[in-house]
Amino acid sequence: MKKLLFVALVLIVGVAALGYWRGWFSVDKESKSGVHVDSTKFKKDKEAFSKTVGEKAKALKEQVASLWKNAEGLTGDDKAHAKKELAELEKKHERLEKQLKELDEAGEDKFEGIKQDISKHIEEVDKKIEELTKKLEKGKDK
């Protein structure tokens, strides 16, 4: 239980520090609460990230489609293995699309966690696409 409370506290402090650093809110001595939230700054940051990730997701989908075309020339075990990996990539892309929808609905409290998860997921998919591209190129050379 102590670990859970510690993790929750670290997350809250992390989001607060990020929000302050990014200008989502500021400390104001003149207001009653002492904190001024800049929701327009947060929305701009969220929209910019959503746009960037949306474009990246579209590019990844096009890369996967291209890999499907490249896999058509393979035969036997190479073709079966490539199809399996491409199916996994499509599932990962679907997960990315789902995360993008969650990002659109996320508030300031959940934004940073979703942002980190999406960034990590995109890196994994990029790496997988690169590996599969190399495999397909080797398979065609045979």
N, C-alpha and C. Protein backbone atom coordinates (compact mmCIF):
# COMPACT_ATOMS: atom_id res chain seq x y z
N MET A 1 0.82 -1.20 0.00
CA MET A 1 0.00 0.00 0.00
C MET A 1 0.86 1.25 0.00
N LYS A 2 1.96 1.21 0.76
CA LYS A 2 2.86 2.36 0.80
C LYS A 2 3.48 2.62 -0.56
N LYS A 3 3.82 1.54 -1.25
CA LYS A 3 4.42 1.68 -2.58
C LYS A 3 3.44 2.34 -3.54
N LEU A 4 2.17 1.94 -3.47
CA LEU A 4 1.15 2.50 -4.34
C LEU A 4 0.97 4.00 -4.07
N LEU A 5 0.94 4.38 -2.80
CA LEU A 5 0.81 5.79 -2.46
C LEU A 5 2.04 6.58 -2.93
N PHE A 6 3.21 5.97 -2.79
CA PHE A 6 4.43 6.63 -3.25
C PHE A 6 4.40 6.84 -4.76
N VAL A 7 3.99 5.81 -5.50
CA VAL A 7 3.91 5.92 -6.96
C VAL A 7 2.90 7.00 -7.35
N ALA A 8 1.76 7.03 -6.68
CA ALA A 8 0.73 8.04 -6.97
C ALA A 8 1.28 9.44 -6.70
N LEU A 9 1.98 9.59 -5.59
CA LEU A 9 2.55 10.89 -5.24
C LEU A 9 3.60 11.32 -6.27
N VAL A 10 4.44 10.40 -6.70
CA VAL A 10 5.46 10.71 -7.70
C VAL A 10 4.80 11.13 -9.01
N LEU A 11 3.74 10.43 -9.41
CA LEU A 11 3.03 10.79 -10.65
C LEU A 11 2.40 12.18 -10.55
N ILE A 12 1.81 12.48 -9.42
CA ILE A 12 1.16 13.78 -9.24
C ILE A 12 2.21 14.89 -9.29
N VAL A 13 3.32 14.68 -8.60
CA VAL A 13 4.39 15.68 -8.61
C VAL A 13 4.96 15.82 -10.02
N GLY A 14 5.12 14.69 -10.72
CA GLY A 14 5.65 14.74 -12.08
C GLY A 14 4.75 15.51 -13.02
N VAL A 15 3.45 15.24 -12.95
CA VAL A 15 2.50 15.96 -13.82
C VAL A 15 2.46 17.44 -13.46
N ALA A 16 2.52 17.74 -12.16
CA ALA A 16 2.51 19.14 -11.74
C ALA A 16 3.76 19.86 -12.24
N ALA A 17 4.91 19.21 -12.11
CA ALA A 17 6.16 19.83 -12.58
C ALA A 17 6.14 20.03 -14.09
N LEU A 18 5.68 19.02 -14.81
CA LEU A 18 5.60 19.14 -16.26
C LEU A 18 4.64 20.26 -16.65
N GLY A 19 3.50 20.31 -16.02
CA GLY A 19 2.51 21.34 -16.32
C GLY A 19 3.02 22.73 -16.05
N TYR A 20 3.73 22.88 -14.95
CA TYR A 20 4.31 24.19 -14.64
C TYR A 20 5.38 24.56 -15.65
N TRP A 21 6.24 23.59 -15.97
CA TRP A 21 7.33 23.82 -16.93
C TRP A 21 6.79 24.16 -18.32
N ARG A 22 5.73 23.47 -18.75
CA ARG A 22 5.16 23.69 -20.07
C ARG A 22 4.24 24.92 -20.11
N GLY A 23 3.99 25.53 -18.95
CA GLY A 23 3.17 26.74 -18.92
C GLY A 23 1.68 26.47 -18.88
N TRP A 24 1.29 25.24 -18.49
CA TRP A 24 -0.13 24.90 -18.42
C TRP A 24 -0.80 25.61 -17.24
N PHE A 25 -0.01 25.90 -16.21
CA PHE A 25 -0.52 26.68 -15.09
C PHE A 25 0.63 27.43 -14.45
N SER A 26 0.28 28.42 -13.67
CA SER A 26 1.30 29.21 -12.99
C SER A 26 0.79 29.57 -11.60
N VAL A 27 1.69 29.95 -10.75
CA VAL A 27 1.33 30.33 -9.38
C VAL A 27 1.06 31.83 -9.39
N ASP A 28 -0.11 32.20 -8.86
CA ASP A 28 -0.55 33.59 -8.86
C ASP A 28 -0.92 33.97 -7.43
N LYS A 29 -0.22 34.90 -6.84
CA LYS A 29 -0.46 35.29 -5.45
C LYS A 29 -1.73 36.11 -5.30
N GLU A 30 -2.22 36.70 -6.38
CA GLU A 30 -3.39 37.57 -6.29
C GLU A 30 -4.72 36.81 -6.30
N SER A 31 -4.76 35.61 -6.86
CA SER A 31 -6.02 34.87 -6.90
C SER A 31 -6.23 34.12 -5.59
N LYS A 32 -7.46 33.69 -5.35
CA LYS A 32 -7.79 33.00 -4.11
C LYS A 32 -7.11 31.64 -4.01
N SER A 33 -7.09 30.89 -5.10
CA SER A 33 -6.50 29.56 -5.05
C SER A 33 -4.98 29.61 -5.16
N GLY A 34 -4.43 30.67 -5.70
CA GLY A 34 -2.99 30.80 -5.84
C GLY A 34 -2.44 30.14 -7.09
N VAL A 35 -3.31 29.46 -7.86
CA VAL A 35 -2.86 28.76 -9.06
C VAL A 35 -3.73 29.20 -10.23
N HIS A 36 -3.08 29.52 -11.33
CA HIS A 36 -3.79 29.90 -12.55
C HIS A 36 -3.53 28.83 -13.60
N VAL A 37 -4.59 28.21 -14.09
CA VAL A 37 -4.46 27.15 -15.10
C VAL A 37 -4.63 27.77 -16.48
N ASP A 38 -3.66 27.51 -17.35
CA ASP A 38 -3.71 28.00 -18.73
C ASP A 38 -4.16 26.85 -19.63
N SER A 39 -5.45 26.67 -19.73
CA SER A 39 -5.98 25.55 -20.50
C SER A 39 -5.72 25.70 -22.00
N THR A 40 -5.59 26.92 -22.49
CA THR A 40 -5.31 27.09 -23.91
C THR A 40 -3.90 26.60 -24.25
N LYS A 41 -2.94 26.83 -23.36
CA LYS A 41 -1.57 26.34 -23.58
C LYS A 41 -1.58 24.82 -23.59
N PHE A 42 -2.29 24.22 -22.65
CA PHE A 42 -2.38 22.76 -22.60
C PHE A 42 -3.02 22.23 -23.88
N LYS A 43 -4.10 22.85 -24.31
CA LYS A 43 -4.79 22.40 -25.53
C LYS A 43 -3.89 22.51 -26.76
N LYS A 44 -3.11 23.58 -26.84
CA LYS A 44 -2.19 23.75 -27.97
C LYS A 44 -1.15 22.63 -27.98
N ASP A 45 -0.58 22.35 -26.80
CA ASP A 45 0.41 21.27 -26.70
C ASP A 45 -0.21 19.92 -27.07
N LYS A 46 -1.40 19.69 -26.58
CA LYS A 46 -2.10 18.44 -26.85
C LYS A 46 -2.41 18.30 -28.34
N GLU A 47 -2.89 19.38 -28.95
CA GLU A 47 -3.21 19.35 -30.39
C GLU A 47 -1.96 19.14 -31.24
N ALA A 48 -0.87 19.80 -30.86
CA ALA A 48 0.38 19.64 -31.62
C ALA A 48 0.88 18.20 -31.54
N PHE A 49 0.84 17.63 -30.35
CA PHE A 49 1.28 16.24 -30.20
C PHE A 49 0.34 15.30 -30.95
N SER A 50 -0.96 15.53 -30.85
CA SER A 50 -1.93 14.69 -31.55
C SER A 50 -1.72 14.75 -33.06
N LYS A 51 -1.45 15.93 -33.58
CA LYS A 51 -1.23 16.08 -35.01
C LYS A 51 0.02 15.33 -35.45
N THR A 52 1.10 15.49 -34.69
CA THR A 52 2.36 14.81 -35.01
C THR A 52 2.19 13.30 -34.98
N VAL A 53 1.55 12.81 -33.94
CA VAL A 53 1.36 11.37 -33.80
C VAL A 53 0.39 10.85 -34.86
N GLY A 54 -0.62 11.62 -35.19
CA GLY A 54 -1.56 11.22 -36.24
C GLY A 54 -0.87 11.06 -37.58
N GLU A 55 0.02 12.00 -37.90
CA GLU A 55 0.78 11.91 -39.15
C GLU A 55 1.71 10.70 -39.13
N LYS A 56 2.32 10.46 -37.98
CA LYS A 56 3.23 9.32 -37.84
C LYS A 56 2.44 8.02 -37.99
N ALA A 57 1.26 7.94 -37.40
CA ALA A 57 0.43 6.73 -37.50
C ALA A 57 0.03 6.47 -38.95
N LYS A 58 -0.28 7.53 -39.68
CA LYS A 58 -0.63 7.38 -41.10
C LYS A 58 0.57 6.85 -41.89
N ALA A 59 1.75 7.39 -41.60
CA ALA A 59 2.97 6.94 -42.29
C ALA A 59 3.27 5.48 -41.96
N LEU A 60 3.05 5.10 -40.71
CA LEU A 60 3.28 3.70 -40.32
C LEU A 60 2.33 2.77 -41.05
N LYS A 61 1.08 3.20 -41.20
CA LYS A 61 0.10 2.38 -41.90
C LYS A 61 0.52 2.19 -43.36
N GLU A 62 1.02 3.24 -43.98
CA GLU A 62 1.48 3.15 -45.36
C GLU A 62 2.70 2.24 -45.48
N GLN A 63 3.59 2.30 -44.48
CA GLN A 63 4.77 1.43 -44.49
C GLN A 63 4.36 -0.03 -44.37
N VAL A 64 3.39 -0.31 -43.52
CA VAL A 64 2.92 -1.69 -43.35
C VAL A 64 2.29 -2.18 -44.65
N ALA A 65 1.51 -1.33 -45.31
CA ALA A 65 0.91 -1.71 -46.59
C ALA A 65 1.99 -2.02 -47.62
N SER A 66 3.03 -1.22 -47.62
CA SER A 66 4.15 -1.46 -48.54
C SER A 66 4.84 -2.78 -48.23
N LEU A 67 4.98 -3.09 -46.95
CA LEU A 67 5.61 -4.35 -46.56
C LEU A 67 4.76 -5.55 -46.99
N TRP A 68 3.44 -5.39 -46.94
CA TRP A 68 2.55 -6.47 -47.40
C TRP A 68 2.84 -6.75 -48.88
N LYS A 69 2.99 -5.69 -49.66
CA LYS A 69 3.28 -5.87 -51.09
C LYS A 69 4.63 -6.56 -51.29
N ASN A 70 5.61 -6.17 -50.50
CA ASN A 70 6.93 -6.79 -50.60
C ASN A 70 6.91 -8.26 -50.20
N ALA A 71 6.03 -8.61 -49.28
CA ALA A 71 5.97 -9.99 -48.79
C ALA A 71 5.32 -10.92 -49.81
N GLU A 72 4.60 -10.37 -50.78
CA GLU A 72 3.93 -11.21 -51.78
C GLU A 72 4.92 -12.03 -52.60
N GLY A 73 6.11 -11.54 -52.80
CA GLY A 73 7.10 -12.24 -53.62
C GLY A 73 7.80 -13.38 -52.88
N LEU A 74 7.57 -13.50 -51.58
CA LEU A 74 8.22 -14.56 -50.81
C LEU A 74 7.49 -15.88 -50.96
N THR A 75 8.17 -16.96 -50.61
CA THR A 75 7.55 -18.28 -50.66
C THR A 75 7.86 -19.05 -49.39
N GLY A 76 7.07 -20.08 -49.14
CA GLY A 76 7.31 -21.01 -48.05
C GLY A 76 7.30 -20.39 -46.66
N ASP A 77 8.30 -20.82 -45.87
CA ASP A 77 8.39 -20.37 -44.48
C ASP A 77 8.63 -18.86 -44.38
N ASP A 78 9.38 -18.33 -45.31
CA ASP A 78 9.65 -16.89 -45.28
C ASP A 78 8.35 -16.09 -45.41
N LYS A 79 7.48 -16.54 -46.30
CA LYS A 79 6.21 -15.86 -46.51
C LYS A 79 5.31 -15.98 -45.27
N ALA A 80 5.25 -17.18 -44.69
CA ALA A 80 4.42 -17.40 -43.51
C ALA A 80 4.92 -16.55 -42.33
N HIS A 81 6.23 -16.51 -42.17
CA HIS A 81 6.82 -15.72 -41.08
C HIS A 81 6.55 -14.22 -41.29
N ALA A 82 6.71 -13.75 -42.51
CA ALA A 82 6.47 -12.34 -42.82
C ALA A 82 5.00 -11.97 -42.58
N LYS A 83 4.08 -12.85 -43.00
CA LYS A 83 2.65 -12.58 -42.78
C LYS A 83 2.33 -12.49 -41.28
N LYS A 84 2.94 -13.37 -40.50
CA LYS A 84 2.71 -13.36 -39.06
C LYS A 84 3.19 -12.03 -38.46
N GLU A 85 4.38 -11.61 -38.83
CA GLU A 85 4.93 -10.36 -38.31
C GLU A 85 4.13 -9.15 -38.78
N LEU A 86 3.66 -9.19 -40.01
CA LEU A 86 2.84 -8.09 -40.52
C LEU A 86 1.50 -8.02 -39.80
N ALA A 87 0.92 -9.18 -39.49
CA ALA A 87 -0.33 -9.19 -38.73
C ALA A 87 -0.12 -8.57 -37.35
N GLU A 88 1.02 -8.87 -36.73
CA GLU A 88 1.35 -8.28 -35.42
C GLU A 88 1.50 -6.76 -35.55
N LEU A 89 2.13 -6.32 -36.63
CA LEU A 89 2.29 -4.88 -36.85
C LEU A 89 0.93 -4.19 -37.03
N GLU A 90 0.03 -4.85 -37.71
CA GLU A 90 -1.31 -4.27 -37.89
C GLU A 90 -2.03 -4.16 -36.55
N LYS A 91 -1.86 -5.16 -35.69
CA LYS A 91 -2.48 -5.09 -34.36
C LYS A 91 -1.88 -3.93 -33.56
N LYS A 92 -0.57 -3.75 -33.67
CA LYS A 92 0.07 -2.65 -32.96
C LYS A 92 -0.41 -1.30 -33.50
N HIS A 93 -0.64 -1.23 -34.80
CA HIS A 93 -1.16 0.01 -35.38
C HIS A 93 -2.58 0.27 -34.88
N GLU A 94 -3.39 -0.77 -34.78
CA GLU A 94 -4.74 -0.61 -34.25
C GLU A 94 -4.69 -0.10 -32.81
N ARG A 95 -3.75 -0.63 -32.03
CA ARG A 95 -3.59 -0.16 -30.65
C ARG A 95 -3.20 1.32 -30.63
N LEU A 96 -2.34 1.70 -31.55
CA LEU A 96 -1.92 3.10 -31.64
C LEU A 96 -3.12 4.00 -31.97
N GLU A 97 -3.96 3.56 -32.88
CA GLU A 97 -5.16 4.33 -33.23
C GLU A 97 -6.08 4.48 -32.01
N LYS A 98 -6.20 3.41 -31.22
CA LYS A 98 -7.01 3.46 -30.01
C LYS A 98 -6.42 4.45 -29.01
N GLN A 99 -5.10 4.44 -28.88
CA GLN A 99 -4.43 5.37 -27.98
C GLN A 99 -4.64 6.82 -28.44
N LEU A 100 -4.67 7.04 -29.73
CA LEU A 100 -4.91 8.39 -30.24
C LEU A 100 -6.30 8.88 -29.86
N LYS A 101 -7.27 7.98 -29.89
CA LYS A 101 -8.63 8.36 -29.47
C LYS A 101 -8.64 8.68 -27.98
N GLU A 102 -7.91 7.88 -27.18
CA GLU A 102 -7.83 8.15 -25.75
C GLU A 102 -7.15 9.49 -25.50
N LEU A 103 -6.16 9.80 -26.31
CA LEU A 103 -5.44 11.06 -26.16
C LEU A 103 -6.39 12.24 -26.41
N ASP A 104 -7.24 12.12 -27.41
CA ASP A 104 -8.19 13.19 -27.71
C ASP A 104 -9.14 13.45 -26.54
N GLU A 105 -9.47 12.39 -25.81
CA GLU A 105 -10.41 12.50 -24.70
C GLU A 105 -9.72 12.78 -23.37
N ALA A 106 -8.41 12.68 -23.32
CA ALA A 106 -7.66 12.81 -22.07
C ALA A 106 -7.62 14.25 -21.58
N GLY A 107 -7.66 14.37 -20.29
CA GLY A 107 -7.48 15.67 -19.66
C GLY A 107 -6.03 15.86 -19.28
N GLU A 108 -5.77 16.94 -18.58
CA GLU A 108 -4.40 17.24 -18.18
C GLU A 108 -3.80 16.15 -17.30
N ASP A 109 -4.65 15.51 -16.50
CA ASP A 109 -4.16 14.50 -15.56
C ASP A 109 -3.65 13.24 -16.26
N LYS A 110 -4.24 12.86 -17.37
CA LYS A 110 -3.87 11.62 -18.05
C LYS A 110 -2.99 11.85 -19.28
N PHE A 111 -2.88 13.07 -19.70
CA PHE A 111 -2.17 13.38 -20.94
C PHE A 111 -0.72 12.87 -20.95
N GLU A 112 0.03 13.18 -19.93
CA GLU A 112 1.45 12.84 -19.93
C GLU A 112 1.67 11.33 -19.98
N GLY A 113 0.87 10.57 -19.24
CA GLY A 113 1.00 9.11 -19.25
C GLY A 113 0.71 8.53 -20.63
N ILE A 114 -0.35 9.01 -21.25
CA ILE A 114 -0.71 8.54 -22.59
C ILE A 114 0.35 8.96 -23.60
N LYS A 115 0.85 10.17 -23.45
CA LYS A 115 1.88 10.69 -24.36
C LYS A 115 3.13 9.80 -24.31
N GLN A 116 3.56 9.46 -23.12
CA GLN A 116 4.75 8.61 -22.96
C GLN A 116 4.50 7.23 -23.54
N ASP A 117 3.32 6.69 -23.28
CA ASP A 117 2.98 5.35 -23.79
C ASP A 117 2.96 5.34 -25.32
N ILE A 118 2.36 6.35 -25.91
CA ILE A 118 2.30 6.44 -27.37
C ILE A 118 3.69 6.58 -27.96
N SER A 119 4.51 7.43 -27.37
CA SER A 119 5.87 7.63 -27.88
C SER A 119 6.66 6.33 -27.84
N LYS A 120 6.54 5.61 -26.75
CA LYS A 120 7.24 4.32 -26.61
C LYS A 120 6.71 3.32 -27.64
N HIS A 121 5.41 3.29 -27.80
CA HIS A 121 4.78 2.36 -28.74
C HIS A 121 5.22 2.66 -30.18
N ILE A 122 5.30 3.92 -30.54
CA ILE A 122 5.72 4.30 -31.89
C ILE A 122 7.17 3.86 -32.13
N GLU A 123 8.01 4.04 -31.13
CA GLU A 123 9.41 3.61 -31.27
C GLU A 123 9.49 2.10 -31.51
N GLU A 124 8.68 1.33 -30.78
CA GLU A 124 8.68 -0.13 -30.95
C GLU A 124 8.22 -0.51 -32.34
N VAL A 125 7.17 0.13 -32.82
CA VAL A 125 6.65 -0.19 -34.15
C VAL A 125 7.65 0.20 -35.23
N ASP A 126 8.28 1.37 -35.07
CA ASP A 126 9.32 1.78 -36.03
C ASP A 126 10.44 0.76 -36.10
N LYS A 127 10.88 0.31 -34.96
CA LYS A 127 11.97 -0.67 -34.90
C LYS A 127 11.56 -1.98 -35.56
N LYS A 128 10.33 -2.42 -35.29
CA LYS A 128 9.82 -3.66 -35.87
C LYS A 128 9.72 -3.54 -37.39
N ILE A 129 9.24 -2.41 -37.87
CA ILE A 129 9.12 -2.18 -39.32
C ILE A 129 10.51 -2.21 -39.97
N GLU A 130 11.46 -1.57 -39.31
CA GLU A 130 12.83 -1.55 -39.85
C GLU A 130 13.40 -2.98 -39.93
N GLU A 131 13.21 -3.76 -38.88
CA GLU A 131 13.70 -5.14 -38.87
C GLU A 131 13.03 -5.97 -39.98
N LEU A 132 11.72 -5.82 -40.10
CA LEU A 132 10.99 -6.59 -41.10
C LEU A 132 11.37 -6.16 -42.51
N THR A 133 11.60 -4.88 -42.71
CA THR A 133 12.04 -4.40 -44.02
C THR A 133 13.36 -5.04 -44.42
N LYS A 134 14.28 -5.11 -43.48
CA LYS A 134 15.58 -5.74 -43.75
C LYS A 134 15.40 -7.23 -44.07
N LYS A 135 14.54 -7.90 -43.33
CA LYS A 135 14.29 -9.33 -43.58
C LYS A 135 13.70 -9.55 -44.97
N LEU A 136 12.75 -8.70 -45.33
CA LEU A 136 12.12 -8.85 -46.63
C LEU A 136 13.09 -8.58 -47.76
N GLU A 137 13.98 -7.63 -47.56
CA GLU A 137 14.96 -7.34 -48.59
C GLU A 137 15.93 -8.52 -48.76
N LYS A 138 16.30 -9.13 -47.63
CA LYS A 138 17.17 -10.32 -47.70
C LYS A 138 16.44 -11.47 -48.36
N GLY A 139 15.14 -11.60 -48.06
CA GLY A 139 14.35 -12.70 -48.64
C GLY A 139 14.22 -12.55 -50.15
N LYS A 140 14.16 -11.34 -50.65
CA LYS A 140 14.03 -11.12 -52.09
C LYS A 140 15.37 -11.38 -52.79
N ASP A 141 16.46 -11.16 -52.08
CA ASP A 141 17.78 -11.37 -52.67
C ASP A 141 18.09 -12.85 -52.89
N LYS A 142 17.39 -13.69 -52.15
CA LYS A 142 17.65 -15.14 -52.27
C LYS A 142 17.23 -15.69 -53.60
